Amino acid sequence: MSHPRHALDEIIHAPVRLSIMAMLAAAETVDFGFLRDTIEVSDSLLSKHITTLEKAGYVRATKGFVGKRPRTWLALTDEGRDAFQNYTSILQQITEGTRRA
């Protein structure tokens, strides 16, 4: 049997992407600017990581306007929510010293 760390999702594992996934898991949708400010990254860095998560099918971006100002809202897809739940389960196995059944 192999150590659970081998099952960690490398797409989520990057610190910024993990922060994005955790924030989105706690809400239905999150405004891009709010997410950027909360996890303390630049627009360009956040955009780069969002693109990676979108390509993996984990995040959905919706663009629109509030008044005349453009806005982007982000949300986890069902696949993203499942992947994040699996990721946190594996972390729990690692931190508690348990293995998968």
Protein backbone atom coordinates (compact mmCIF):
# COMPACT_ATOMS: atom_id res chain seq x y z
CA MET A 1 0.00 0.00 0.00
CA SER A 2 1.38 3.46 -0.87
CA HIS A 3 1.41 6.58 1.24
CA PRO A 4 -1.70 8.77 0.78
CA ARG A 5 0.42 11.73 -0.38
CA HIS A 6 0.69 10.02 -3.76
CA ALA A 7 -3.03 10.54 -4.23
CA LEU A 8 -2.92 14.32 -3.67
CA ASP A 9 -4.24 16.24 -6.67
CA GLU A 10 -1.27 18.18 -8.06
CA ILE A 11 -3.59 20.72 -9.66
CA ILE A 12 -5.01 21.71 -6.27
CA HIS A 13 -1.76 21.23 -4.34
CA ALA A 14 -0.13 24.56 -5.32
CA PRO A 15 -0.62 26.99 -2.40
CA VAL A 16 -2.48 29.66 -4.40
CA ARG A 17 -4.76 27.09 -6.07
CA LEU A 18 -5.42 25.45 -2.71
CA SER A 19 -6.38 28.87 -1.32
CA ILE A 20 -8.69 29.49 -4.28
CA MET A 21 -10.37 26.10 -3.94
CA ALA A 22 -10.85 26.52 -0.18
CA MET A 23 -12.40 29.96 -0.63
CA LEU A 24 -14.72 28.79 -3.39
CA ALA A 25 -15.72 25.67 -1.44
CA ALA A 26 -17.12 27.92 1.27
CA ALA A 27 -19.40 29.90 -1.07
CA GLU A 28 -21.65 29.52 -4.09
CA THR A 29 -19.88 32.28 -6.02
CA VAL A 30 -17.07 34.68 -5.20
CA ASP A 31 -16.21 37.97 -6.90
CA PHE A 32 -12.73 37.96 -8.51
CA GLY A 33 -11.66 41.12 -6.66
CA PHE A 34 -12.83 39.81 -3.31
CA LEU A 35 -10.98 36.53 -3.87
CA ARG A 36 -7.83 38.37 -4.97
CA ASP A 37 -7.85 40.60 -1.89
CA THR A 38 -8.68 37.78 0.51
CA ILE A 39 -5.91 35.43 -0.61
CA GLU A 40 -3.53 38.37 -1.16
CA VAL A 41 -2.33 37.85 -4.73
CA SER A 42 -2.07 40.03 -7.82
CA ASP A 43 -4.66 40.06 -10.60
CA SER A 44 -2.26 38.36 -12.99
CA LEU A 45 -1.29 35.58 -10.55
CA LEU A 46 -4.92 34.90 -9.68
CA SER A 47 -5.87 34.84 -13.37
CA LYS A 48 -3.08 32.36 -14.12
CA HIS A 49 -4.21 29.96 -11.40
CA ILE A 50 -7.90 30.37 -12.26
CA THR A 51 -7.06 29.41 -15.86
CA THR A 52 -5.36 26.22 -14.63
CA LEU A 53 -8.36 25.34 -12.48
CA GLU A 54 -10.79 26.09 -15.32
CA LYS A 55 -8.85 23.86 -17.73
CA ALA A 56 -9.06 21.06 -15.14
CA GLY A 57 -12.83 21.57 -14.98
CA TYR A 58 -12.73 22.58 -11.31
CA VAL A 59 -13.75 26.24 -11.58
CA ARG A 60 -16.31 28.13 -13.65
CA ALA A 61 -15.92 31.85 -14.35
CA THR A 62 -18.95 33.97 -15.19
CA LYS A 63 -18.46 37.46 -16.57
CA GLY A 64 -20.98 40.27 -16.33
CA PHE A 65 -21.47 43.85 -15.25
CA VAL A 66 -22.46 45.66 -12.11
CA GLY A 67 -23.67 48.94 -13.51
CA LYS A 68 -21.05 49.78 -16.12
CA ARG A 69 -18.24 47.97 -14.34
CA PRO A 70 -17.15 44.55 -15.60
CA ARG A 71 -17.11 41.79 -13.01
CA THR A 72 -16.03 38.16 -12.88
CA TRP A 73 -17.63 35.71 -10.51
CA LEU A 74 -16.04 32.37 -9.74
CA ALA A 75 -17.56 29.12 -8.54
CA LEU A 76 -16.55 25.51 -8.12
CA THR A 77 -18.01 23.03 -10.56
CA ASP A 78 -19.41 19.77 -9.21
CA GLU A 79 -16.18 18.12 -10.33
CA GLY A 80 -14.17 20.81 -8.51
CA ARG A 81 -16.18 20.39 -5.33
CA ASP A 82 -15.63 16.61 -5.45
CA ALA A 83 -11.90 17.04 -6.15
CA PHE A 84 -11.53 19.46 -3.23
CA GLN A 85 -13.41 17.14 -0.89
CA ASN A 86 -11.16 14.26 -1.95
CA TYR A 87 -8.06 16.42 -1.52
CA THR A 88 -9.00 17.46 2.02
CA SER A 89 -9.85 13.85 2.87
CA ILE A 90 -6.37 12.77 1.79
CA LEU A 91 -4.79 15.58 3.83
CA GLN A 92 -6.76 14.37 6.81
CA GLN A 93 -5.49 10.83 6.26
CA ILE A 94 -1.93 12.15 6.17
CA THR A 95 -2.27 14.33 9.27
CA GLU A 96 -4.08 11.66 11.27
CA GLY A 97 -1.80 8.85 10.10
CA THR A 98 -4.60 6.81 8.56
CA ARG A 99 -4.71 5.03 5.23
CA ARG A 100 -7.38 4.55 2.64
CA ALA A 101 -9.55 1.48 3.00
